[in-house]
Amino acid sequence: MSDITSKRKYSILVGNDINSVSDSDKKTDWKSLLDSISAHFEINFDDSNSDELPYTLLFEKILSRTRCEEHELRTYICNYFSNLKKNSIHDLIPLINANNILTTNYDYRIESAFNFSPPGGLKSFFKDNLFKSYPVNDQSNIWHIHGEVLCQKSITIGFNEYIENAYELYSYKMNSEYDFVNRLWEQSEDIYSWFDLFFLTDLYILGFNLRIEELTLWWLISHRSKQKRAGIPNIPNKITYFYPSEYNNAAVNLLNDLNIITVPVENHKTDKDSYYKYIVKYILKEQNGA
């Protein structure tokens, strides 16, 4: 790990959807995790409206209804996501040749697609996620922006920690030590944190439905748009969001209003392999003319 982790080229942000290709992958979605936690800790969600809550608030509900300590919950979550096998979608990620791969996933299935194993003995807290990345090869770094299973204290769970993440991003921007504003005006190629990648590199977002629980990402996207409206000219990068063609809702319309390019893609329900292969080809064509 280095202070300046890469030179500016292009980045991808990868969400949990890439983990669910076949029926055997279903346990990796958030609902399955919450059901497993509820069964393990004997939590009875008898409220008829619990499903209406964002997952971030459901975690707070779990903590309020069980006698388990938070570290026990973290241990259970990390064990739940350990030793999972990569699928065909993970194997597509190295083909994108992105300089930076950001992911909200705790597991290391993307790393395994690069034949890379993270170093052992890691100790960090979720506040460290802003600056921490691994070089998985000579070109690409990976950032676990919500933490990783080898560092239990690094994983971001619950509403409070999502809010704290947004505060950490704002504090980073305002910290003179990192001189973000001047680097933005100068279009510097020095990257100190994953926050920088939303302003200084082209960024492609895939595998997200961008529900309201993605508080940190929504804050960052809206803050970038606010900066552009304020007349800061040196935000020339593009952010592109890929989404299933049937998922044309208010969130997509809002992203368009917030200066995000939105690209509908067919076959998400029927053939995820072709869905993600289309996205890979789109990125390579736009960046390299491939």
C-alpha atoms as a PDB file:
ATOM      1  CA  MET A   1       0.000   0.000   0.000  1.00  0.00           C
ATOM      2  CA  SER A   2       1.261   3.439  -0.860  1.00  0.00           C
ATOM      3  CA  ASP A   3       0.244   7.002  -0.131  1.00  0.00           C
ATOM      4  CA  ILE A   4      -0.230   7.769  -3.811  1.00  0.00           C
ATOM      5  CA  THR A   5      -1.849   4.640  -5.116  1.00  0.00           C
ATOM      6  CA  SER A   6      -2.161   5.150  -8.845  1.00  0.00           C
ATOM      7  CA  LYS A   7      -2.041   7.469 -11.801  1.00  0.00           C
ATOM      8  CA  ARG A   8      -5.338   8.750 -13.147  1.00  0.00           C
ATOM      9  CA  LYS A   9      -6.953   6.659 -15.853  1.00  0.00           C
ATOM     10  CA  TYR A  10     -10.324   5.017 -15.265  1.00  0.00           C
ATOM     11  CA  SER A  11     -12.044   3.224 -12.426  1.00  0.00           C
ATOM     12  CA  ILE A  12     -14.979   0.912 -11.773  1.00  0.00           C
ATOM     13  CA  LEU A  13     -17.269   0.633  -8.759  1.00  0.00           C
ATOM     14  CA  VAL A  14     -18.655  -2.879  -8.315  1.00  0.00           C
ATOM     15  CA  GLY A  15     -21.663  -3.814  -6.193  1.00  0.00           C
ATOM     16  CA  ASN A  16     -23.168  -6.968  -4.756  1.00  0.00           C
ATOM     17  CA  ASP A  17     -25.173  -7.980  -7.831  1.00  0.00           C
ATOM     18  CA  ILE A  18     -22.118  -9.610  -9.440  1.00  0.00           C
ATOM     19  CA  ASN A  19     -22.188 -12.180  -6.645  1.00  0.00           C
ATOM     20  CA  SER A  20     -25.605 -13.595  -7.584  1.00  0.00           C
ATOM     21  CA  VAL A  21     -25.427 -15.418 -10.900  1.00  0.00           C
ATOM     22  CA  SER A  22     -26.721 -18.900 -10.092  1.00  0.00           C
ATOM     23  CA  ASP A  23     -28.985 -20.316  -7.384  1.00  0.00           C
ATOM     24  CA  SER A  24     -25.891 -21.372  -5.426  1.00  0.00           C
ATOM     25  CA  ASP A  25     -24.919 -17.689  -5.154  1.00  0.00           C
ATOM     26  CA  LYS A  26     -28.212 -16.579  -3.619  1.00  0.00           C
ATOM     27  CA  LYS A  27     -26.900 -16.692  -0.040  1.00  0.00           C
ATOM     28  CA  THR A  28     -24.677 -13.690  -0.757  1.00  0.00           C
ATOM     29  CA  ASP A  29     -27.459 -11.139  -1.147  1.00  0.00           C
ATOM     30  CA  TRP A  30     -28.314  -8.868   1.781  1.00  0.00           C
ATOM     31  CA  LYS A  31     -31.730 -10.400   2.460  1.00  0.00           C
ATOM     32  CA  SER A  32     -30.184 -13.864   2.795  1.00  0.00           C
ATOM     33  CA  LEU A  33     -27.562 -12.489   5.169  1.00  0.00           C
ATOM     34  CA  LEU A  34     -30.201 -10.823   7.353  1.00  0.00           C
ATOM     35  CA  ASP A  35     -32.319 -13.990   7.385  1.00  0.00           C
ATOM     36  CA  SER A  36     -29.251 -15.986   8.435  1.00  0.00           C
ATOM     37  CA  ILE A  37     -28.379 -13.513  11.197  1.00  0.00           C
ATOM     38  CA  SER A  38     -31.969 -13.561  12.450  1.00  0.00           C
ATOM     39  CA  ALA A  39     -31.976 -17.367  12.616  1.00  0.00           C
ATOM     40  CA  HIS A  40     -28.535 -17.627  14.221  1.00  0.00           C
ATOM     41  CA  PHE A  41     -29.186 -15.048  16.936  1.00  0.00           C
ATOM     42  CA  GLU A  42     -32.851 -16.071  17.324  1.00  0.00           C
ATOM     43  CA  ILE A  43     -34.269 -12.678  16.408  1.00  0.00           C
ATOM     44  CA  ASN A  44     -37.971 -12.609  15.620  1.00  0.00           C
ATOM     45  CA  PHE A  45     -38.908  -9.957  13.087  1.00  0.00           C
ATOM     46  CA  ASP A  46     -42.619 -10.173  13.746  1.00  0.00           C
ATOM     47  CA  ASP A  47     -43.310  -6.621  12.581  1.00  0.00           C
ATOM     48  CA  SER A  48     -45.372  -6.654   9.423  1.00  0.00           C
ATOM     49  CA  ASN A  49     -43.507  -3.634   8.045  1.00  0.00           C
ATOM     50  CA  SER A  50     -39.881  -4.677   8.695  1.00  0.00           C
ATOM     51  CA  ASP A  51     -39.342  -5.303   4.974  1.00  0.00           C
ATOM     52  CA  GLU A  52     -39.984  -1.631   4.318  1.00  0.00           C
ATOM     53  CA  LEU A  53     -36.837  -0.583   6.200  1.00  0.00           C
ATOM     54  CA  PRO A  54     -33.515  -0.072   4.403  1.00  0.00           C
ATOM     55  CA  TYR A  55     -30.953  -2.774   5.212  1.00  0.00           C
ATOM     56  CA  THR A  56     -28.833  -0.244   7.081  1.00  0.00           C
ATOM     57  CA  LEU A  57     -31.662   0.345   9.554  1.00  0.00           C
ATOM     58  CA  LEU A  58     -32.461  -3.371   9.791  1.00  0.00           C
ATOM     59  CA  PHE A  59     -28.942  -3.890  11.140  1.00  0.00           C
ATOM     60  CA  GLU A  60     -29.699  -1.326  13.842  1.00  0.00           C
ATOM     61  CA  LYS A  61     -32.894  -3.235  14.597  1.00  0.00           C
ATOM     62  CA  ILE A  62     -30.931  -6.479  14.922  1.00  0.00           C
ATOM     63  CA  LEU A  63     -28.543  -4.904  17.412  1.00  0.00           C
ATOM     64  CA  SER A  64     -31.430  -3.530  19.442  1.00  0.00           C
ATOM     65  CA  ARG A  65     -33.246  -6.881  19.597  1.00  0.00           C
ATOM     66  CA  THR A  66     -30.421  -9.219  20.464  1.00  0.00           C
ATOM     67  CA  ARG A  67     -28.092  -9.567  23.422  1.00  0.00           C
ATOM     68  CA  CYS A  68     -25.130 -10.264  21.170  1.00  0.00           C
ATOM     69  CA  GLU A  69     -22.268  -7.796  21.202  1.00  0.00           C
ATOM     70  CA  GLU A  70     -21.430  -5.880  18.049  1.00  0.00           C
ATOM     71  CA  HIS A  71     -18.132  -7.747  17.689  1.00  0.00           C
ATOM     72  CA  GLU A  72     -20.080 -11.040  17.650  1.00  0.00           C
ATOM     73  CA  LEU A  73     -22.223  -9.746  14.799  1.00  0.00           C
ATOM     74  CA  ARG A  74     -19.128  -8.627  12.901  1.00  0.00           C
ATOM     75  CA  THR A  75     -17.525 -12.034  13.393  1.00  0.00           C
ATOM     76  CA  TYR A  76     -20.650 -13.769  12.120  1.00  0.00           C
ATOM     77  CA  ILE A  77     -20.856 -11.541   9.025  1.00  0.00           C
ATOM     78  CA  CYS A  78     -17.175 -12.023   8.179  1.00  0.00           C
ATOM     79  CA  ASN A  79     -17.462 -15.795   8.553  1.00  0.00           C
ATOM     80  CA  TYR A  80     -20.597 -15.750   6.404  1.00  0.00           C
ATOM     81  CA  PHE A  81     -18.694 -14.134   3.522  1.00  0.00           C
ATOM     82  CA  SER A  82     -15.469 -16.120   3.931  1.00  0.00           C
ATOM     83  CA  ASN A  83     -14.286 -18.846   1.554  1.00  0.00           C
ATOM     84  CA  LEU A  84     -16.815 -18.072  -1.161  1.00  0.00           C
ATOM     85  CA  LYS A  85     -16.048 -19.220  -4.712  1.00  0.00           C
ATOM     86  CA  LYS A  86     -15.827 -16.771  -7.585  1.00  0.00           C
ATOM     87  CA  ASN A  87     -18.237 -17.056 -10.490  1.00  0.00           C
ATOM     88  CA  SER A  88     -18.136 -16.225 -14.198  1.00  0.00           C
ATOM     89  CA  ILE A  89     -18.914 -12.545 -13.565  1.00  0.00           C
ATOM     90  CA  HIS A  90     -15.937 -12.113 -11.229  1.00  0.00           C
ATOM     91  CA  ASP A  91     -13.721 -13.482 -14.016  1.00  0.00           C
ATOM     92  CA  LEU A  92     -14.868 -10.619 -16.268  1.00  0.00           C
ATOM     93  CA  ILE A  93     -13.549  -7.897 -13.940  1.00  0.00           C
ATOM     94  CA  PRO A  94      -9.827  -8.277 -14.872  1.00  0.00           C
ATOM     95  CA  LEU A  95     -10.779  -7.913 -18.557  1.00  0.00           C
ATOM     96  CA  ILE A  96     -11.884  -4.311 -17.938  1.00  0.00           C
ATOM     97  CA  ASN A  97      -8.262  -3.287 -17.232  1.00  0.00           C
ATOM     98  CA  ALA A  98      -9.380  -0.569 -14.822  1.00  0.00           C
ATOM     99  CA  ASN A  99      -6.689   1.167 -12.823  1.00  0.00           C
ATOM    100  CA  ASN A 100      -8.898   1.213  -9.759  1.00  0.00           C
ATOM    101  CA  ILE A 101     -11.570  -1.271  -8.718  1.00  0.00           C
ATOM    102  CA  LEU A 102     -13.801  -0.053  -5.914  1.00  0.00           C
ATOM    103  CA  THR A 103     -16.199  -2.490  -4.291  1.00  0.00           C
ATOM    104  CA  THR A 104     -18.646  -2.447  -1.422  1.00  0.00           C
ATOM    105  CA  ASN A 105     -18.296  -6.243  -1.107  1.00  0.00           C
ATOM    106  CA  TYR A 106     -16.492  -7.574   1.952  1.00  0.00           C
ATOM    107  CA  ASP A 107     -15.236 -10.777   0.312  1.00  0.00           C
ATOM    108  CA  TYR A 108     -12.221 -11.456  -1.914  1.00  0.00           C
ATOM    109  CA  ARG A 109     -13.820 -13.048  -4.958  1.00  0.00           C
ATOM    110  CA  ILE A 110     -12.684 -10.213  -7.214  1.00  0.00           C
ATOM    111  CA  GLU A 111      -9.132 -10.704  -5.965  1.00  0.00           C
ATOM    112  CA  SER A 112      -9.371 -14.418  -6.735  1.00  0.00           C
ATOM    113  CA  ALA A 113     -10.218 -13.536 -10.350  1.00  0.00           C
ATOM    114  CA  PHE A 114      -6.785 -11.868 -10.454  1.00  0.00           C
ATOM    115  CA  ASN A 115      -5.168 -14.871  -8.712  1.00  0.00           C
ATOM    116  CA  PHE A 116      -4.311 -12.499  -5.886  1.00  0.00           C
ATOM    117  CA  SER A 117      -4.549 -13.175  -2.158  1.00  0.00           C
ATOM    118  CA  PRO A 118      -4.652 -10.237   0.262  1.00  0.00           C
ATOM    119  CA  PRO A 119      -1.929 -10.176   2.908  1.00  0.00           C
ATOM    120  CA  GLY A 120      -2.731 -11.762   6.267  1.00  0.00           C
ATOM    121  CA  GLY A 121      -2.568 -10.141   9.668  1.00  0.00           C
ATOM    122  CA  LEU A 122      -4.501  -7.065   8.588  1.00  0.00           C
ATOM    123  CA  LYS A 123      -5.697  -4.719  11.309  1.00  0.00           C
ATOM    124  CA  SER A 124      -7.789  -1.707  10.432  1.00  0.00           C
ATOM    125  CA  PHE A 125     -11.029   0.085  11.260  1.00  0.00           C
ATOM    126  CA  PHE A 126     -13.767   1.172   8.880  1.00  0.00           C
ATOM    127  CA  LYS A 127     -12.393   4.714   8.989  1.00  0.00           C
ATOM    128  CA  ASP A 128      -9.219   3.413   7.309  1.00  0.00           C
ATOM    129  CA  ASN A 129     -11.102   2.173   4.225  1.00  0.00           C
ATOM    130  CA  LEU A 130     -10.864   5.595   2.593  1.00  0.00           C
ATOM    131  CA  PHE A 131      -7.118   5.250   2.050  1.00  0.00           C
ATOM    132  CA  LYS A 132      -6.480   1.526   1.798  1.00  0.00           C
ATOM    133  CA  SER A 133      -6.036  -0.359  -1.465  1.00  0.00           C
ATOM    134  CA  TYR A 134      -4.152  -3.393  -2.793  1.00  0.00           C
ATOM    135  CA  PRO A 135      -2.271  -3.644  -6.094  1.00  0.00           C
ATOM    136  CA  VAL A 136      -3.698  -6.857  -7.565  1.00  0.00           C
ATOM    137  CA  ASN A 137      -1.379  -6.627 -10.578  1.00  0.00           C
ATOM    138  CA  ASP A 138       0.896  -4.097 -12.280  1.00  0.00           C
ATOM    139  CA  GLN A 139      -2.073  -2.013 -13.429  1.00  0.00           C
ATOM    140  CA  SER A 140      -5.021  -2.383 -11.066  1.00  0.00           C
ATOM    141  CA  ASN A 141      -5.677  -1.535  -7.422  1.00  0.00           C
ATOM    142  CA  ILE A 142      -8.683  -2.735  -5.460  1.00  0.00           C
ATOM    143  CA  TRP A 143     -10.395  -0.709  -2.738  1.00  0.00           C
ATOM    144  CA  HIS A 144     -12.833  -2.318  -0.278  1.00  0.00           C
ATOM    145  CA  ILE A 145     -14.687   0.869   0.499  1.00  0.00           C
ATOM    146  CA  HIS A 146     -16.988  -0.814   3.058  1.00  0.00           C
ATOM    147  CA  GLY A 147     -14.299  -2.997   4.591  1.00  0.00           C
ATOM    148  CA  GLU A 148     -13.170  -6.622   4.209  1.00  0.00           C
ATOM    149  CA  VAL A 149     -13.571  -9.924   5.982  1.00  0.00           C
ATOM    150  CA  LEU A 150      -9.953 -10.204   7.177  1.00  0.00           C
ATOM    151  CA  CYS A 151     -10.436  -6.966   9.133  1.00  0.00           C
ATOM    152  CA  GLN A 152     -13.627  -7.395  11.127  1.00  0.00           C
ATOM    153  CA  LYS A 153     -13.487  -3.884  12.544  1.00  0.00           C
ATOM    154  CA  SER A 154     -13.256  -2.445   9.037  1.00  0.00           C
ATOM    155  CA  ILE A 155     -16.670  -3.578   7.770  1.00  0.00           C
ATOM    156  CA  THR A 156     -19.348  -0.923   7.543  1.00  0.00           C
ATOM    157  CA  ILE A 157     -22.638  -2.099   9.044  1.00  0.00           C
ATOM    158  CA  GLY A 158     -25.673  -0.181  10.126  1.00  0.00           C
ATOM    159  CA  PHE A 159     -27.028   3.295   9.561  1.00  0.00           C
ATOM    160  CA  ASN A 160     -24.660   5.047  11.983  1.00  0.00           C
ATOM    161  CA  GLU A 161     -21.504   3.857  10.244  1.00  0.00           C
ATOM    162  CA  TYR A 162     -22.828   4.809   6.802  1.00  0.00           C
ATOM    163  CA  ILE A 163     -23.402   8.327   8.104  1.00  0.00           C
ATOM    164  CA  GLU A 164     -19.927   8.373   9.640  1.00  0.00           C
ATOM    165  CA  ASN A 165     -18.492   7.316   6.278  1.00  0.00           C
ATOM    166  CA  ALA A 166     -20.079  10.321   4.601  1.00  0.00           C
ATOM    167  CA  TYR A 167     -18.633  12.550   7.315  1.00  0.00           C
ATOM    168  CA  GLU A 168     -15.172  11.015   6.780  1.00  0.00           C
ATOM    169  CA  LEU A 169     -15.401  11.852   3.070  1.00  0.00           C
ATOM    170  CA  TYR A 170     -16.361  15.455   3.776  1.00  0.00           C
ATOM    171  CA  SER A 171     -13.588  15.798   6.383  1.00  0.00           C
ATOM    172  CA  TYR A 172     -11.072  14.428   3.891  1.00  0.00           C
ATOM    173  CA  LYS A 173     -12.120  16.977   1.286  1.00  0.00           C
ATOM    174  CA  MET A 174     -11.708  19.833   3.762  1.00  0.00           C
ATOM    175  CA  ASN A 175      -8.366  18.599   5.176  1.00  0.00           C
ATOM    176  CA  SER A 176      -5.588  20.874   3.934  1.00  0.00           C
ATOM    177  CA  GLU A 177      -3.069  18.052   4.311  1.00  0.00           C
ATOM    178  CA  TYR A 178      -4.507  16.374   1.204  1.00  0.00           C
ATOM    179  CA  ASP A 179      -5.041  19.646  -0.684  1.00  0.00           C
ATOM    180  CA  PHE A 180      -7.972  18.172  -2.588  1.00  0.00           C
ATOM    181  CA  VAL A 181      -9.399  21.432  -3.927  1.00  0.00           C
ATOM    182  CA  ASN A 182      -6.112  22.534  -5.492  1.00  0.00           C
ATOM    183  CA  ARG A 183      -5.532  19.062  -6.930  1.00  0.00           C
ATOM    184  CA  LEU A 184      -8.987  19.266  -8.466  1.00  0.00           C
ATOM    185  CA  TRP A 185      -8.327  22.636 -10.071  1.00  0.00           C
ATOM    186  CA  GLU A 186      -4.992  21.403 -11.399  1.00  0.00           C
ATOM    187  CA  GLN A 187      -6.458  18.024 -12.464  1.00  0.00           C
ATOM    188  CA  SER A 188      -3.638  16.342 -10.595  1.00  0.00           C
ATOM    189  CA  GLU A 189      -3.002  12.680 -11.318  1.00  0.00           C
ATOM    190  CA  ASP A 190      -2.091  11.953  -7.696  1.00  0.00           C
ATOM    191  CA  ILE A 191      -4.667   9.730  -6.005  1.00  0.00           C
ATOM    192  CA  TYR A 192      -4.666   9.564  -2.208  1.00  0.00           C
ATOM    193  CA  SER A 193      -8.085   8.038  -1.506  1.00  0.00           C
ATOM    194  CA  TRP A 194     -11.067   6.498  -3.270  1.00  0.00           C
ATOM    195  CA  PHE A 195     -12.899   9.825  -2.806  1.00  0.00           C
ATOM    196  CA  ASP A 196     -10.522  11.281  -5.420  1.00  0.00           C
ATOM    197  CA  LEU A 197     -11.613   8.738  -8.005  1.00  0.00           C
ATOM    198  CA  PHE A 198     -15.117  10.249  -8.198  1.00  0.00           C
ATOM    199  CA  PHE A 199     -13.587  13.534  -9.375  1.00  0.00           C
ATOM    200  CA  LEU A 200     -10.274  12.728 -11.060  1.00  0.00           C
ATOM    201  CA  THR A 201     -11.008   9.573 -13.090  1.00  0.00           C
ATOM    202  CA  ASP A 202     -13.752   8.352 -15.364  1.00  0.00           C
ATOM    203  CA  LEU A 203     -15.828   6.010 -13.209  1.00  0.00           C
ATOM    204  CA  TYR A 204     -18.158   3.177 -14.226  1.00  0.00           C
ATOM    205  CA  ILE A 205     -20.715   1.881 -11.706  1.00  0.00           C
ATOM    206  CA  LEU A 206     -22.021  -1.677 -12.125  1.00  0.00           C
ATOM    207  CA  GLY A 207     -23.797  -4.231  -9.978  1.00  0.00           C
ATOM    208  CA  PHE A 208     -25.762  -1.695  -7.904  1.00  0.00           C
ATOM    209  CA  ASN A 209     -29.459  -0.936  -7.638  1.00  0.00           C
ATOM    210  CA  LEU A 210     -28.519   2.221  -5.678  1.00  0.00           C
ATOM    211  CA  ARG A 211     -31.266   1.916  -3.088  1.00  0.00           C
ATOM    212  CA  ILE A 212     -31.540   4.540  -0.376  1.00  0.00           C
ATOM    213  CA  GLU A 213     -29.280   2.522   1.960  1.00  0.00           C
ATOM    214  CA  GLU A 214     -26.309   3.411  -0.235  1.00  0.00           C
ATOM    215  CA  LEU A 215     -26.138   6.646   1.742  1.00  0.00           C
ATOM    216  CA  THR A 216     -22.439   7.305   1.228  1.00  0.00           C
ATOM    217  CA  LEU A 217     -22.607   6.929  -2.544  1.00  0.00           C
ATOM    218  CA  TRP A 218     -25.702   9.089  -2.865  1.00  0.00           C
ATOM    219  CA  TRP A 219     -24.035  11.804  -0.790  1.00  0.00           C
ATOM    220  CA  LEU A 220     -20.890  11.650  -2.919  1.00  0.00           C
ATOM    221  CA  ILE A 221     -22.788  11.737  -6.220  1.00  0.00           C
ATOM    222  CA  SER A 222     -24.981  14.644  -5.105  1.00  0.00           C
ATOM    223  CA  HIS A 223     -21.967  16.517  -3.668  1.00  0.00           C
ATOM    224  CA  ARG A 224     -20.107  16.178  -6.970  1.00  0.00           C
ATOM    225  CA  SER A 225     -23.147  17.556  -8.787  1.00  0.00           C
ATOM    226  CA  LYS A 226     -23.342  20.457  -6.342  1.00  0.00           C
ATOM    227  CA  GLN A 227     -19.701  21.301  -7.043  1.00  0.00           C
ATOM    228  CA  LYS A 228     -20.372  21.318 -10.769  1.00  0.00           C
ATOM    229  CA  ARG A 229     -23.393  23.595 -10.301  1.00  0.00           C
ATOM    230  CA  ALA A 230     -21.231  25.940  -8.232  1.00  0.00           C
ATOM    231  CA  GLY A 231     -19.157  26.591 -11.338  1.00  0.00           C
ATOM    232  CA  ILE A 232     -16.049  24.552 -10.600  1.00  0.00           C
ATOM    233  CA  PRO A 233     -14.976  23.842 -14.163  1.00  0.00           C
ATOM    234  CA  ASN A 234     -12.304  21.262 -13.466  1.00  0.00           C
ATOM    235  CA  ILE A 235     -14.594  18.284 -12.939  1.00  0.00           C
ATOM    236  CA  PRO A 236     -14.360  16.979 -16.496  1.00  0.00           C
ATOM    237  CA  ASN A 237     -14.535  13.291 -15.633  1.00  0.00           C
ATOM    238  CA  LYS A 238     -17.534  11.158 -16.536  1.00  0.00           C
ATOM    239  CA  ILE A 239     -19.439   8.831 -14.228  1.00  0.00           C
ATOM    240  CA  THR A 240     -21.488   6.146 -15.957  1.00  0.00           C
ATOM    241  CA  TYR A 241     -24.092   3.968 -14.258  1.00  0.00           C
ATOM    242  CA  PHE A 242     -25.171   0.675 -15.859  1.00  0.00           C
ATOM    243  CA  TYR A 243     -28.560  -0.691 -14.874  1.00  0.00           C
ATOM    244  CA  PRO A 244     -31.062  -3.336 -16.015  1.00  0.00           C
ATOM    245  CA  SER A 245     -33.352  -1.945 -18.711  1.00  0.00           C
ATOM    246  CA  GLU A 246     -36.446  -2.849 -16.657  1.00  0.00           C
ATOM    247  CA  TYR A 247     -35.099  -0.799 -13.733  1.00  0.00           C
ATOM    248  CA  ASN A 248     -36.118   2.599 -15.111  1.00  0.00           C
ATOM    249  CA  ASN A 249     -37.366   4.400 -12.017  1.00  0.00           C
ATOM    250  CA  ALA A 250     -37.034   7.597 -10.008  1.00  0.00           C
ATOM    251  CA  ALA A 251     -33.470   6.768  -8.936  1.00  0.00           C
ATOM    252  CA  VAL A 252     -32.313   6.577 -12.572  1.00  0.00           C
ATOM    253  CA  ASN A 253     -34.038   9.873 -13.350  1.00  0.00           C
ATOM    254  CA  LEU A 254     -32.351  11.481 -10.355  1.00  0.00           C
ATOM    255  CA  LEU A 255     -28.925  10.241 -11.462  1.00  0.00           C
ATOM    256  CA  ASN A 256     -29.468  11.934 -14.824  1.00  0.00           C
ATOM    257  CA  ASP A 257     -30.245  15.167 -12.983  1.00  0.00           C
ATOM    258  CA  LEU A 258     -27.042  14.730 -10.953  1.00  0.00           C
ATOM    259  CA  ASN A 259     -24.759  14.647 -14.032  1.00  0.00           C
ATOM    260  CA  ILE A 260     -24.460  10.861 -14.163  1.00  0.00           C
ATOM    261  CA  ILE A 261     -24.612   9.088 -17.526  1.00  0.00           C
ATOM    262  CA  THR A 262     -27.114   6.221 -17.274  1.00  0.00           C
ATOM    263  CA  VAL A 263     -26.944   3.220 -19.603  1.00  0.00           C
ATOM    264  CA  PRO A 264     -29.781   0.645 -19.666  1.00  0.00           C
ATOM    265  CA  VAL A 265     -28.646  -2.906 -20.435  1.00  0.00           C
ATOM    266  CA  GLU A 266     -30.796  -5.850 -21.546  1.00  0.00           C
ATOM    267  CA  ASN A 267     -30.895  -9.463 -20.256  1.00  0.00           C
ATOM    268  CA  HIS A 268     -30.256  -8.875 -16.560  1.00  0.00           C
ATOM    269  CA  LYS A 269     -32.990 -11.278 -15.475  1.00  0.00           C
ATOM    270  CA  THR A 270     -32.485 -13.877 -18.191  1.00  0.00           C
ATOM    271  CA  ASP A 271     -28.720 -13.966 -18.813  1.00  0.00           C
ATOM    272  CA  LYS A 272     -26.429 -12.153 -16.396  1.00  0.00           C
ATOM    273  CA  ASP A 273     -23.334 -13.331 -18.242  1.00  0.00           C
ATOM    274  CA  SER A 274     -24.357 -11.514 -21.415  1.00  0.00           C
ATOM    275  CA  TYR A 275     -25.524  -8.528 -19.350  1.00  0.00           C
ATOM    276  CA  TYR A 276     -22.082  -8.045 -17.817  1.00  0.00           C
ATOM    277  CA  LYS A 277     -20.203  -8.961 -20.997  1.00  0.00           C
ATOM    278  CA  TYR A 278     -22.024  -6.093 -22.705  1.00  0.00           C
ATOM    279  CA  ILE A 279     -20.865  -3.736 -19.921  1.00  0.00           C
ATOM    280  CA  VAL A 280     -17.245  -4.896 -20.282  1.00  0.00           C
ATOM    281  CA  LYS A 281     -17.337  -4.303 -24.047  1.00  0.00           C
ATOM    282  CA  TYR A 282     -18.919  -0.890 -23.538  1.00  0.00           C
ATOM    283  CA  ILE A 283     -16.177   0.243 -21.133  1.00  0.00           C
ATOM    284  CA  LEU A 284     -13.325  -1.101 -23.285  1.00  0.00           C
ATOM    285  CA  LYS A 285     -14.746   0.501 -26.428  1.00  0.00           C
ATOM    286  CA  GLU A 286     -15.161   3.868 -24.734  1.00  0.00           C
ATOM    287  CA  GLN A 287     -11.712   3.860 -23.115  1.00  0.00           C
ATOM    288  CA  ASN A 288      -9.619   2.075 -25.722  1.00  0.00           C
ATOM    289  CA  GLY A 289     -11.705   1.880 -28.855  1.00  0.00           C
ATOM    290  CA  ALA A 290     -11.652  -1.895 -28.433  1.00  0.00           C
END
